[in-house]
Each structure stands twice: as structure tokens, then as C-alpha cells.
Amino acid sequence: MRDMRQITDFGSPVEEGKSDFWVLFEGRKYLVECKNVQKTLRRGEITVDFMRTRYAKTVGPQGRFYKPSEFQVLAACLFNQTKRWEFRFIATAKLARHKAYRGRIDNRVSLGESTAYRGYWREDLISALRLV
């Protein structure tokens, strides 16, 4: 993407527990979290494994769920379903919020047609960044 002059820089955050990587696009730094889709379909739809495996005892169980402010784009790796290194991207602002934990993203993220945000998934990162 750097060759296409759309992403001007990228890297990995230095701090532990931060997003997987950052990109510089149109002069702004965006954080991106990459998650695998699950191996089994849920109600016929591809879903993302979108939960932290642990939480800090000082935070409590809500710490397993992400805040929309932690990163701007979720990258879903489709390898578990397609056996190809393909990704789908969505702006976190478009994802549903958790019903029990205010200010957190719902962990049941689907790429299927049953969600209100189904039209916001993109096949390329640039298109998703434009929706942030």
C-alpha cells in the first residue's frame, strides 16, 4: 500500500496490550486490531473471535471487551474459513455495543447479513479508513 502512496507509514505499537499495528493515512495515525474469524460458522455466518483471553483484576470482567476508542479499525482474518490470507475491515465506530458493559464493543461480531453493520465491512483497509 505504501507503493500506492495511500498508506505513508505503518508500524507496531511499542506498548504491550495495545492494538496490533498502526497506519498513517492522509496525515492521521489509525490503530488497527487484527482478529481471526472462528473455524465454525455461527447460524450460518462467519464470526470473529473478538474477546480478550484475560482481563485485569482491577478492571473486572468488562476488561475482556474492547472499547471503540482503543483502535479505529478491526481487521478480520478469514484464513480459518477460506484457507487464504484474506481480510475484511470495519471501522469500530460501526460495530454494535455490548448490552451489559456500557462503552464496550459487543464480542459477537459477525460478517453475515444478520447485523445492522453488515454494509460497513470492506475488502480493503483504505475503504474502511475512509469510514472512520
N, C-alpha and C. Protein backbone atom coordinates (compact mmCIF):
# COMPACT_ATOMS: atom_id res chain seq x y z
N MET A 1 0.83 -1.20 0.00
CA MET A 1 0.00 0.00 0.00
C MET A 1 0.86 1.25 0.00
N ARG A 2 2.04 1.13 0.59
CA ARG A 2 2.93 2.28 0.60
C ARG A 2 3.27 2.67 -0.84
N ASP A 3 3.42 1.67 -1.73
CA ASP A 3 3.73 1.94 -3.13
C ASP A 3 2.61 2.70 -3.82
N MET A 4 1.38 2.50 -3.37
CA MET A 4 0.25 3.20 -3.97
C MET A 4 0.11 4.61 -3.38
N ARG A 5 1.00 4.97 -2.47
CA ARG A 5 1.03 6.28 -1.83
C ARG A 5 -0.25 6.59 -1.04
N GLN A 6 -0.89 5.55 -0.56
CA GLN A 6 -2.08 5.76 0.25
C GLN A 6 -1.74 5.64 1.73
N ILE A 7 -1.02 4.60 2.10
CA ILE A 7 -0.52 4.45 3.46
C ILE A 7 0.91 4.98 3.42
N THR A 8 1.19 6.04 4.16
CA THR A 8 2.52 6.65 4.08
C THR A 8 3.48 6.08 5.11
N ASP A 9 2.96 5.39 6.14
CA ASP A 9 3.84 4.74 7.12
C ASP A 9 3.00 3.74 7.91
N PHE A 10 3.65 2.80 8.57
CA PHE A 10 2.97 1.83 9.40
C PHE A 10 3.96 1.25 10.40
N GLY A 11 3.44 0.63 11.45
CA GLY A 11 4.32 0.02 12.45
C GLY A 11 3.51 -0.67 13.53
N SER A 12 4.24 -1.21 14.49
CA SER A 12 3.62 -1.88 15.64
C SER A 12 3.79 -1.00 16.87
N PRO A 13 2.74 -0.87 17.68
CA PRO A 13 2.88 -0.10 18.92
C PRO A 13 3.92 -0.76 19.84
N VAL A 14 4.62 0.06 20.58
CA VAL A 14 5.67 -0.43 21.47
C VAL A 14 5.08 -1.02 22.74
N GLU A 15 3.97 -0.46 23.20
CA GLU A 15 3.37 -0.87 24.47
C GLU A 15 2.62 -2.20 24.36
N GLU A 16 2.76 -3.03 25.37
CA GLU A 16 2.03 -4.30 25.46
C GLU A 16 0.55 -4.02 25.67
N GLY A 17 -0.30 -4.81 25.06
CA GLY A 17 -1.74 -4.65 25.25
C GLY A 17 -2.38 -3.60 24.37
N LYS A 18 -1.60 -3.00 23.49
CA LYS A 18 -2.16 -2.01 22.56
C LYS A 18 -2.57 -2.71 21.27
N SER A 19 -3.08 -1.94 20.32
CA SER A 19 -3.52 -2.53 19.05
C SER A 19 -2.37 -3.24 18.34
N ASP A 20 -2.70 -4.04 17.34
CA ASP A 20 -1.69 -4.83 16.64
C ASP A 20 -0.76 -3.99 15.78
N PHE A 21 -1.30 -2.99 15.12
CA PHE A 21 -0.43 -2.10 14.34
C PHE A 21 -1.12 -0.77 14.10
N TRP A 22 -0.35 0.18 13.60
CA TRP A 22 -0.87 1.49 13.25
C TRP A 22 -0.49 1.79 11.80
N VAL A 23 -1.29 2.62 11.17
CA VAL A 23 -1.01 3.08 9.81
C VAL A 23 -1.17 4.60 9.78
N LEU A 24 -0.39 5.23 8.94
CA LEU A 24 -0.51 6.67 8.72
C LEU A 24 -1.18 6.86 7.37
N PHE A 25 -2.36 7.45 7.40
CA PHE A 25 -3.17 7.62 6.19
C PHE A 25 -3.68 9.05 6.14
N GLU A 26 -3.38 9.74 5.07
CA GLU A 26 -3.79 11.14 4.88
C GLU A 26 -3.42 11.99 6.09
N GLY A 27 -2.22 11.77 6.61
CA GLY A 27 -1.69 12.59 7.70
C GLY A 27 -2.19 12.23 9.09
N ARG A 28 -2.99 11.19 9.21
CA ARG A 28 -3.54 10.80 10.51
C ARG A 28 -3.13 9.36 10.85
N LYS A 29 -2.83 9.13 12.10
CA LYS A 29 -2.46 7.78 12.56
C LYS A 29 -3.72 7.05 13.01
N TYR A 30 -3.90 5.84 12.48
CA TYR A 30 -5.04 4.98 12.82
C TYR A 30 -4.51 3.69 13.44
N LEU A 31 -5.21 3.21 14.47
CA LEU A 31 -4.85 1.95 15.10
C LEU A 31 -5.73 0.83 14.56
N VAL A 32 -5.12 -0.33 14.30
CA VAL A 32 -5.83 -1.46 13.72
C VAL A 32 -5.60 -2.70 14.58
N GLU A 33 -6.66 -3.41 14.88
CA GLU A 33 -6.61 -4.66 15.63
C GLU A 33 -6.97 -5.78 14.68
N CYS A 34 -6.15 -6.82 14.65
CA CYS A 34 -6.39 -7.96 13.76
C CYS A 34 -6.87 -9.15 14.58
N LYS A 35 -7.97 -9.75 14.17
CA LYS A 35 -8.53 -10.92 14.86
C LYS A 35 -8.87 -11.99 13.83
N ASN A 36 -8.78 -13.24 14.25
CA ASN A 36 -9.15 -14.36 13.39
C ASN A 36 -10.66 -14.57 13.42
N VAL A 37 -11.19 -15.05 12.31
CA VAL A 37 -12.58 -15.50 12.34
C VAL A 37 -12.58 -16.90 12.95
N GLN A 38 -13.72 -17.29 13.45
CA GLN A 38 -13.83 -18.60 14.09
C GLN A 38 -13.92 -19.70 13.04
N LYS A 39 -13.47 -20.89 13.42
CA LYS A 39 -13.43 -22.01 12.49
C LYS A 39 -14.83 -22.54 12.15
N THR A 40 -15.74 -22.44 13.11
CA THR A 40 -17.10 -22.93 12.86
C THR A 40 -18.04 -21.75 12.62
N LEU A 41 -18.97 -21.96 11.73
CA LEU A 41 -19.96 -20.91 11.45
C LEU A 41 -20.94 -20.83 12.61
N ARG A 42 -21.47 -19.66 12.84
CA ARG A 42 -22.49 -19.45 13.86
C ARG A 42 -23.76 -19.03 13.15
N ARG A 43 -24.76 -19.89 13.20
CA ARG A 43 -26.02 -19.64 12.49
C ARG A 43 -25.78 -19.37 11.01
N GLY A 44 -24.82 -20.08 10.44
CA GLY A 44 -24.51 -19.95 9.03
C GLY A 44 -23.67 -18.75 8.65
N GLU A 45 -23.18 -18.02 9.65
CA GLU A 45 -22.41 -16.81 9.37
C GLU A 45 -20.99 -16.92 9.92
N ILE A 46 -20.07 -16.22 9.25
CA ILE A 46 -18.70 -16.13 9.73
C ILE A 46 -18.66 -15.12 10.87
N THR A 47 -18.07 -15.51 11.99
CA THR A 47 -17.96 -14.62 13.14
C THR A 47 -16.49 -14.44 13.53
N VAL A 48 -16.21 -13.37 14.23
CA VAL A 48 -14.85 -13.02 14.63
C VAL A 48 -14.65 -13.41 16.10
N ASP A 49 -13.49 -13.97 16.39
CA ASP A 49 -13.10 -14.26 17.78
C ASP A 49 -12.65 -12.93 18.38
N PHE A 50 -13.58 -12.22 19.00
CA PHE A 50 -13.38 -10.82 19.37
C PHE A 50 -13.50 -10.58 20.87
N MET A 51 -12.63 -11.22 21.61
CA MET A 51 -12.61 -11.05 23.06
C MET A 51 -11.18 -11.23 23.54
N ARG A 52 -10.82 -10.49 24.56
CA ARG A 52 -9.51 -10.72 25.17
C ARG A 52 -9.56 -12.03 25.94
N THR A 53 -8.45 -12.73 25.98
CA THR A 53 -8.42 -14.01 26.69
C THR A 53 -8.34 -13.80 28.21
N ARG A 54 -7.84 -12.66 28.64
CA ARG A 54 -7.74 -12.37 30.08
C ARG A 54 -8.21 -10.94 30.34
N TYR A 55 -8.47 -10.67 31.58
CA TYR A 55 -8.78 -9.30 31.97
C TYR A 55 -8.03 -8.97 33.25
N ALA A 56 -7.75 -7.70 33.43
CA ALA A 56 -7.06 -7.25 34.64
C ALA A 56 -8.03 -7.32 35.81
N LYS A 57 -7.56 -7.87 36.91
CA LYS A 57 -8.43 -7.99 38.09
C LYS A 57 -8.90 -6.64 38.60
N THR A 58 -8.12 -5.60 38.34
CA THR A 58 -8.51 -4.27 38.78
C THR A 58 -9.65 -3.70 37.94
N VAL A 59 -9.83 -4.23 36.73
CA VAL A 59 -10.88 -3.74 35.84
C VAL A 59 -12.15 -4.57 35.97
N GLY A 60 -12.00 -5.88 36.09
CA GLY A 60 -13.15 -6.78 36.16
C GLY A 60 -13.45 -7.40 34.82
N PRO A 61 -14.56 -8.16 34.75
CA PRO A 61 -14.88 -8.90 33.52
C PRO A 61 -15.08 -8.01 32.29
N GLN A 62 -15.52 -6.78 32.47
CA GLN A 62 -15.71 -5.90 31.31
C GLN A 62 -14.40 -5.62 30.59
N GLY A 63 -13.28 -5.87 31.25
CA GLY A 63 -11.97 -5.68 30.63
C GLY A 63 -11.70 -6.63 29.48
N ARG A 64 -12.49 -7.68 29.35
CA ARG A 64 -12.33 -8.62 28.21
C ARG A 64 -12.92 -8.05 26.93
N PHE A 65 -13.72 -7.02 27.06
CA PHE A 65 -14.39 -6.43 25.91
C PHE A 65 -13.70 -5.13 25.53
N TYR A 66 -13.53 -4.91 24.25
CA TYR A 66 -12.81 -3.73 23.76
C TYR A 66 -13.67 -2.48 23.81
N LYS A 67 -13.02 -1.34 24.01
CA LYS A 67 -13.66 -0.03 23.89
C LYS A 67 -13.45 0.44 22.44
N PRO A 68 -14.42 1.14 21.87
CA PRO A 68 -14.25 1.63 20.49
C PRO A 68 -13.06 2.58 20.35
N SER A 69 -12.66 3.22 21.43
CA SER A 69 -11.55 4.17 21.37
C SER A 69 -10.17 3.50 21.37
N GLU A 70 -10.10 2.19 21.58
CA GLU A 70 -8.81 1.51 21.64
C GLU A 70 -8.17 1.35 20.27
N PHE A 71 -8.97 1.30 19.22
CA PHE A 71 -8.47 1.24 17.85
C PHE A 71 -9.61 1.66 16.93
N GLN A 72 -9.26 2.08 15.73
CA GLN A 72 -10.27 2.61 14.82
C GLN A 72 -10.79 1.57 13.82
N VAL A 73 -9.99 0.54 13.54
CA VAL A 73 -10.40 -0.45 12.54
C VAL A 73 -10.14 -1.86 13.05
N LEU A 74 -11.12 -2.73 12.84
CA LEU A 74 -10.96 -4.16 13.10
C LEU A 74 -10.68 -4.85 11.77
N ALA A 75 -9.57 -5.63 11.74
CA ALA A 75 -9.23 -6.43 10.57
C ALA A 75 -9.55 -7.88 10.91
N ALA A 76 -10.45 -8.50 10.16
CA ALA A 76 -10.83 -9.89 10.39
C ALA A 76 -10.10 -10.78 9.39
N CYS A 77 -9.26 -11.67 9.90
CA CYS A 77 -8.52 -12.59 9.04
C CYS A 77 -9.41 -13.79 8.73
N LEU A 78 -9.66 -14.05 7.46
CA LEU A 78 -10.58 -15.08 7.01
C LEU A 78 -9.95 -16.46 6.82
N PHE A 79 -8.66 -16.61 7.14
CA PHE A 79 -7.96 -17.85 6.84
C PHE A 79 -8.67 -19.09 7.38
N ASN A 80 -9.22 -19.03 8.59
CA ASN A 80 -9.90 -20.20 9.17
C ASN A 80 -11.09 -20.68 8.33
N GLN A 81 -11.64 -19.81 7.52
CA GLN A 81 -12.78 -20.18 6.68
C GLN A 81 -12.39 -20.42 5.23
N THR A 82 -11.46 -19.63 4.71
CA THR A 82 -11.16 -19.67 3.28
C THR A 82 -9.85 -20.39 2.93
N LYS A 83 -8.98 -20.59 3.93
CA LYS A 83 -7.63 -21.14 3.73
C LYS A 83 -6.79 -20.24 2.82
N ARG A 84 -7.17 -18.97 2.76
CA ARG A 84 -6.41 -17.95 2.05
C ARG A 84 -6.21 -16.77 3.00
N TRP A 85 -5.11 -16.07 2.86
CA TRP A 85 -4.82 -14.93 3.73
C TRP A 85 -5.58 -13.71 3.22
N GLU A 86 -6.87 -13.72 3.49
CA GLU A 86 -7.77 -12.63 3.11
C GLU A 86 -8.26 -11.94 4.39
N PHE A 87 -8.58 -10.68 4.26
CA PHE A 87 -9.07 -9.91 5.40
C PHE A 87 -10.30 -9.13 5.00
N ARG A 88 -11.12 -8.81 6.00
CA ARG A 88 -12.21 -7.86 5.86
C ARG A 88 -12.00 -6.82 6.96
N PHE A 89 -12.37 -5.59 6.67
CA PHE A 89 -12.10 -4.47 7.56
C PHE A 89 -13.38 -3.72 7.87
N ILE A 90 -13.45 -3.23 9.12
CA ILE A 90 -14.61 -2.42 9.52
C ILE A 90 -14.17 -1.39 10.55
N ALA A 91 -14.73 -0.20 10.45
CA ALA A 91 -14.48 0.85 11.45
C ALA A 91 -15.17 0.44 12.75
N THR A 92 -14.46 0.52 13.88
CA THR A 92 -15.05 0.09 15.16
C THR A 92 -16.27 0.93 15.54
N ALA A 93 -16.34 2.16 15.06
CA ALA A 93 -17.49 3.01 15.36
C ALA A 93 -18.78 2.43 14.80
N LYS A 94 -18.68 1.56 13.80
CA LYS A 94 -19.86 0.96 13.17
C LYS A 94 -20.35 -0.30 13.89
N LEU A 95 -19.51 -0.90 14.74
CA LEU A 95 -19.87 -2.16 15.41
C LEU A 95 -20.88 -1.93 16.54
N ALA A 96 -21.65 -2.96 16.84
CA ALA A 96 -22.66 -2.90 17.91
C ALA A 96 -21.98 -2.80 19.27
N ARG A 97 -22.66 -2.14 20.20
CA ARG A 97 -22.14 -2.01 21.57
C ARG A 97 -22.65 -3.15 22.42
N HIS A 98 -21.87 -3.49 23.43
CA HIS A 98 -22.24 -4.58 24.34
C HIS A 98 -23.43 -4.14 25.19
N LYS A 99 -24.37 -5.02 25.36
CA LYS A 99 -25.58 -4.67 26.12
C LYS A 99 -25.33 -4.58 27.63
N ALA A 100 -24.44 -5.40 28.14
CA ALA A 100 -24.21 -5.42 29.59
C ALA A 100 -23.09 -4.48 30.04
N TYR A 101 -22.13 -4.24 29.18
CA TYR A 101 -20.97 -3.42 29.56
C TYR A 101 -20.93 -2.14 28.74
N ARG A 102 -21.46 -1.11 29.34
CA ARG A 102 -21.57 0.20 28.69
C ARG A 102 -20.19 0.68 28.21
N GLY A 103 -20.17 1.21 27.00
CA GLY A 103 -18.94 1.75 26.45
C GLY A 103 -18.00 0.71 25.87
N ARG A 104 -18.48 -0.53 25.75
CA ARG A 104 -17.66 -1.61 25.18
C ARG A 104 -18.31 -2.13 23.91
N ILE A 105 -17.49 -2.73 23.04
CA ILE A 105 -17.99 -3.31 21.80
C ILE A 105 -18.50 -4.72 22.07
N ASP A 106 -19.63 -5.06 21.48
CA ASP A 106 -20.18 -6.41 21.62
C ASP A 106 -19.17 -7.41 21.07
N ASN A 107 -18.96 -8.50 21.78
CA ASN A 107 -17.99 -9.50 21.34
C ASN A 107 -18.53 -10.41 20.24
N ARG A 108 -19.82 -10.36 19.97
CA ARG A 108 -20.39 -11.19 18.91
C ARG A 108 -20.36 -10.41 17.59
N VAL A 109 -19.20 -10.43 16.96
CA VAL A 109 -19.01 -9.70 15.71
C VAL A 109 -19.18 -10.69 14.56
N SER A 110 -20.06 -10.35 13.63
CA SER A 110 -20.37 -11.22 12.51
C SER A 110 -20.11 -10.51 11.19
N LEU A 111 -19.69 -11.28 10.21
CA LEU A 111 -19.54 -10.75 8.85
C LEU A 111 -20.78 -11.04 8.02
N GLY A 112 -21.80 -11.60 8.65
CA GLY A 112 -23.00 -12.02 7.95
C GLY A 112 -24.01 -10.91 7.74
N GLU A 113 -25.13 -11.29 7.16
CA GLU A 113 -26.20 -10.36 6.81
C GLU A 113 -27.14 -10.03 7.96
N SER A 114 -26.98 -10.71 9.11
CA SER A 114 -27.94 -10.53 10.20
C SER A 114 -27.67 -9.30 11.07
N THR A 115 -26.62 -8.55 10.79
CA THR A 115 -26.25 -7.43 11.65
C THR A 115 -26.63 -6.09 11.04
N ALA A 116 -26.78 -5.09 11.90
CA ALA A 116 -27.09 -3.74 11.44
C ALA A 116 -25.89 -3.10 10.74
N TYR A 117 -24.69 -3.59 11.01
CA TYR A 117 -23.47 -3.01 10.43
C TYR A 117 -22.95 -3.79 9.21
N ARG A 118 -23.73 -4.72 8.69
CA ARG A 118 -23.28 -5.60 7.60
C ARG A 118 -22.77 -4.83 6.38
N GLY A 119 -23.32 -3.69 6.11
CA GLY A 119 -22.91 -2.91 4.94
C GLY A 119 -21.62 -2.13 5.11
N TYR A 120 -21.02 -2.20 6.28
CA TYR A 120 -19.80 -1.42 6.53
C TYR A 120 -18.51 -2.22 6.40
N TRP A 121 -18.59 -3.53 6.24
CA TRP A 121 -17.40 -4.34 6.03
C TRP A 121 -16.80 -3.99 4.68
N ARG A 122 -15.47 -3.90 4.63
CA ARG A 122 -14.77 -3.57 3.39
C ARG A 122 -13.70 -4.62 3.10
N GLU A 123 -13.42 -4.80 1.82
CA GLU A 123 -12.40 -5.76 1.39
C GLU A 123 -11.00 -5.17 1.44
N ASP A 124 -10.90 -3.86 1.59
CA ASP A 124 -9.57 -3.25 1.68
C ASP A 124 -9.53 -2.24 2.83
N LEU A 125 -8.35 -2.08 3.38
CA LEU A 125 -8.16 -1.22 4.55
C LEU A 125 -8.47 0.23 4.25
N ILE A 126 -8.06 0.71 3.09
CA ILE A 126 -8.28 2.12 2.74
C ILE A 126 -9.76 2.47 2.78
N SER A 127 -10.59 1.64 2.22
CA SER A 127 -12.03 1.89 2.23
C SER A 127 -12.60 1.95 3.65
N ALA A 128 -12.09 1.09 4.52
CA ALA A 128 -12.54 1.12 5.93
C ALA A 128 -12.04 2.38 6.62
N LEU A 129 -10.81 2.80 6.35
CA LEU A 129 -10.27 4.02 6.96
C LEU A 129 -11.09 5.24 6.56
N ARG A 130 -11.60 5.23 5.37
CA ARG A 130 -12.42 6.37 4.91
C ARG A 130 -13.76 6.46 5.67
N LEU A 131 -14.16 5.38 6.33
CA LEU A 131 -15.42 5.38 7.11
C LEU A 131 -15.21 5.77 8.57
N VAL A 132 -13.97 5.96 8.97
CA VAL A 132 -13.69 6.32 10.38
C VAL A 132 -14.07 7.75 10.61
